[in-house]
């Protein structure tokens, strides 16, 4: 199955940042960091595609992300991986 065009660059970012996949500990910080940049459904779709998690479960997690406050020591390592993979450039895409 090929990825829809609107998730291709996000999938490329995730593949570069997490070549061995997203661990359980990185999953929620990843959602928190990507949440401001994607619609709920697009975020759930791309994370589901990348992680192999069920779309419905990821979508439910995404719905809770807006109010989730994670400690910086949990979020910052994930942010660093994304930044090293080109997060700043990706975040400026249309």
C-alpha atoms as a PDB file:
ATOM      1  CA  UNK A   1       0.000   0.000   0.000  1.00  0.00           C
ATOM      2  CA  UNK A   2       1.436   3.368  -0.961  1.00  0.00           C
ATOM      3  CA  UNK A   3       1.141   6.401   1.255  1.00  0.00           C
ATOM      4  CA  UNK A   4      -1.223   9.226   0.305  1.00  0.00           C
ATOM      5  CA  UNK A   5       0.652  12.331  -0.903  1.00  0.00           C
ATOM      6  CA  UNK A   6      -0.300  14.383   2.160  1.00  0.00           C
ATOM      7  CA  UNK A   7       1.638  12.066   4.523  1.00  0.00           C
ATOM      8  CA  UNK A   8       4.718  11.318   2.413  1.00  0.00           C
ATOM      9  CA  UNK A   9       6.969  14.024   3.870  1.00  0.00           C
ATOM     10  CA  UNK A  10       5.874  13.219   7.421  1.00  0.00           C
ATOM     11  CA  UNK A  11       6.595   9.537   6.907  1.00  0.00           C
ATOM     12  CA  UNK A  12      10.026  10.443   5.531  1.00  0.00           C
ATOM     13  CA  UNK A  13      10.710  12.573   8.626  1.00  0.00           C
ATOM     14  CA  UNK A  14       9.669   9.734  10.941  1.00  0.00           C
ATOM     15  CA  UNK A  15      11.743   7.166   9.063  1.00  0.00           C
ATOM     16  CA  UNK A  16      14.796   9.374   9.355  1.00  0.00           C
ATOM     17  CA  UNK A  17      14.215  10.243  13.030  1.00  0.00           C
ATOM     18  CA  UNK A  18      13.231   6.731  14.131  1.00  0.00           C
ATOM     19  CA  UNK A  19      14.942   4.221  11.826  1.00  0.00           C
ATOM     20  CA  UNK A  20      14.290   1.405  14.300  1.00  0.00           C
ATOM     21  CA  UNK A  21      10.717   2.517  14.980  1.00  0.00           C
ATOM     22  CA  UNK A  22       9.024   4.434  17.779  1.00  0.00           C
ATOM     23  CA  UNK A  23       9.298   2.934  21.255  1.00  0.00           C
ATOM     24  CA  UNK A  24       6.390   2.967  23.690  1.00  0.00           C
ATOM     25  CA  UNK A  25       8.120   5.738  25.635  1.00  0.00           C
ATOM     26  CA  UNK A  26       8.513   7.885  22.515  1.00  0.00           C
ATOM     27  CA  UNK A  27       4.963   7.409  21.240  1.00  0.00           C
ATOM     28  CA  UNK A  28       3.054  10.021  23.278  1.00  0.00           C
ATOM     29  CA  UNK A  29       5.819  12.663  23.097  1.00  0.00           C
ATOM     30  CA  UNK A  30       5.809  12.176  19.320  1.00  0.00           C
ATOM     31  CA  UNK A  31       2.074  12.801  19.177  1.00  0.00           C
ATOM     32  CA  UNK A  32       2.473  15.896  21.364  1.00  0.00           C
ATOM     33  CA  UNK A  33       5.209  17.305  19.126  1.00  0.00           C
ATOM     34  CA  UNK A  34       3.415  16.675  15.822  1.00  0.00           C
ATOM     35  CA  UNK A  35      -0.060  17.664  17.059  1.00  0.00           C
ATOM     36  CA  UNK A  36       0.214  21.395  16.253  1.00  0.00           C
ATOM     37  CA  UNK A  37       1.187  20.672  12.647  1.00  0.00           C
ATOM     38  CA  UNK A  38      -1.329  18.072  11.465  1.00  0.00           C
ATOM     39  CA  UNK A  39      -5.061  17.542  11.649  1.00  0.00           C
ATOM     40  CA  UNK A  40      -6.165  14.918  14.159  1.00  0.00           C
ATOM     41  CA  UNK A  41      -6.979  12.407  11.445  1.00  0.00           C
ATOM     42  CA  UNK A  42      -3.818  13.026   9.426  1.00  0.00           C
ATOM     43  CA  UNK A  43      -1.691  12.673  12.562  1.00  0.00           C
ATOM     44  CA  UNK A  44      -3.443   9.438  13.477  1.00  0.00           C
ATOM     45  CA  UNK A  45      -3.090   8.136   9.932  1.00  0.00           C
ATOM     46  CA  UNK A  46       0.626   8.826   9.581  1.00  0.00           C
ATOM     47  CA  UNK A  47       1.518   7.551  13.059  1.00  0.00           C
ATOM     48  CA  UNK A  48      -0.628   4.464  12.533  1.00  0.00           C
ATOM     49  CA  UNK A  49       1.076   3.784   9.201  1.00  0.00           C
ATOM     50  CA  UNK A  50       4.540   4.281  10.664  1.00  0.00           C
ATOM     51  CA  UNK A  51       4.094   2.386  13.928  1.00  0.00           C
ATOM     52  CA  UNK A  52       1.685  -0.327  12.817  1.00  0.00           C
ATOM     53  CA  UNK A  53      -0.736   0.629  15.593  1.00  0.00           C
ATOM     54  CA  UNK A  54      -4.456   0.497  14.897  1.00  0.00           C
ATOM     55  CA  UNK A  55      -5.750   3.776  13.467  1.00  0.00           C
ATOM     56  CA  UNK A  56      -8.695   3.995  15.881  1.00  0.00           C
ATOM     57  CA  UNK A  57      -6.451   3.625  18.908  1.00  0.00           C
ATOM     58  CA  UNK A  58      -4.012   6.235  17.637  1.00  0.00           C
ATOM     59  CA  UNK A  59      -6.896   8.609  16.867  1.00  0.00           C
ATOM     60  CA  UNK A  60      -8.177   8.216  20.431  1.00  0.00           C
ATOM     61  CA  UNK A  61      -4.685   9.010  21.724  1.00  0.00           C
ATOM     62  CA  UNK A  62      -4.505  12.059  19.441  1.00  0.00           C
ATOM     63  CA  UNK A  63      -7.797  13.366  20.847  1.00  0.00           C
ATOM     64  CA  UNK A  64      -6.214  13.445  24.316  1.00  0.00           C
ATOM     65  CA  UNK A  65      -2.958  15.070  23.258  1.00  0.00           C
ATOM     66  CA  UNK A  66      -4.277  18.641  23.274  1.00  0.00           C
ATOM     67  CA  UNK A  67      -4.608  18.625  27.055  1.00  0.00           C
ATOM     68  CA  UNK A  68      -1.659  16.358  27.798  1.00  0.00           C
ATOM     69  CA  UNK A  69       1.260  17.932  29.649  1.00  0.00           C
ATOM     70  CA  UNK A  70       4.375  15.769  29.520  1.00  0.00           C
ATOM     71  CA  UNK A  71       7.581  16.583  31.406  1.00  0.00           C
ATOM     72  CA  UNK A  72      10.279  18.118  29.244  1.00  0.00           C
ATOM     73  CA  UNK A  73      12.704  15.296  30.076  1.00  0.00           C
ATOM     74  CA  UNK A  74      10.329  12.943  28.223  1.00  0.00           C
ATOM     75  CA  UNK A  75       9.602  15.260  25.294  1.00  0.00           C
ATOM     76  CA  UNK A  76      13.039  16.734  24.608  1.00  0.00           C
ATOM     77  CA  UNK A  77      14.829  13.536  23.491  1.00  0.00           C
ATOM     78  CA  UNK A  78      12.060  12.954  20.934  1.00  0.00           C
ATOM     79  CA  UNK A  79      12.227  16.593  19.817  1.00  0.00           C
ATOM     80  CA  UNK A  80      16.006  16.251  19.397  1.00  0.00           C
ATOM     81  CA  UNK A  81      15.565  13.227  17.143  1.00  0.00           C
ATOM     82  CA  UNK A  82      12.997  15.062  15.047  1.00  0.00           C
ATOM     83  CA  UNK A  83      15.153  18.191  14.786  1.00  0.00           C
ATOM     84  CA  UNK A  84      18.164  16.124  13.702  1.00  0.00           C
ATOM     85  CA  UNK A  85      15.961  14.557  11.021  1.00  0.00           C
ATOM     86  CA  UNK A  86      14.796  17.907   9.603  1.00  0.00           C
ATOM     87  CA  UNK A  87      11.810  18.843  11.773  1.00  0.00           C
ATOM     88  CA  UNK A  88      12.339  22.595  11.335  1.00  0.00           C
ATOM     89  CA  UNK A  89      12.208  22.356   7.544  1.00  0.00           C
ATOM     90  CA  UNK A  90       9.298  19.913   7.644  1.00  0.00           C
ATOM     91  CA  UNK A  91       7.292  22.209   9.943  1.00  0.00           C
ATOM     92  CA  UNK A  92       7.502  25.001   7.349  1.00  0.00           C
ATOM     93  CA  UNK A  93       5.982  22.918   4.544  1.00  0.00           C
ATOM     94  CA  UNK A  94       2.496  23.721   3.300  1.00  0.00           C
END
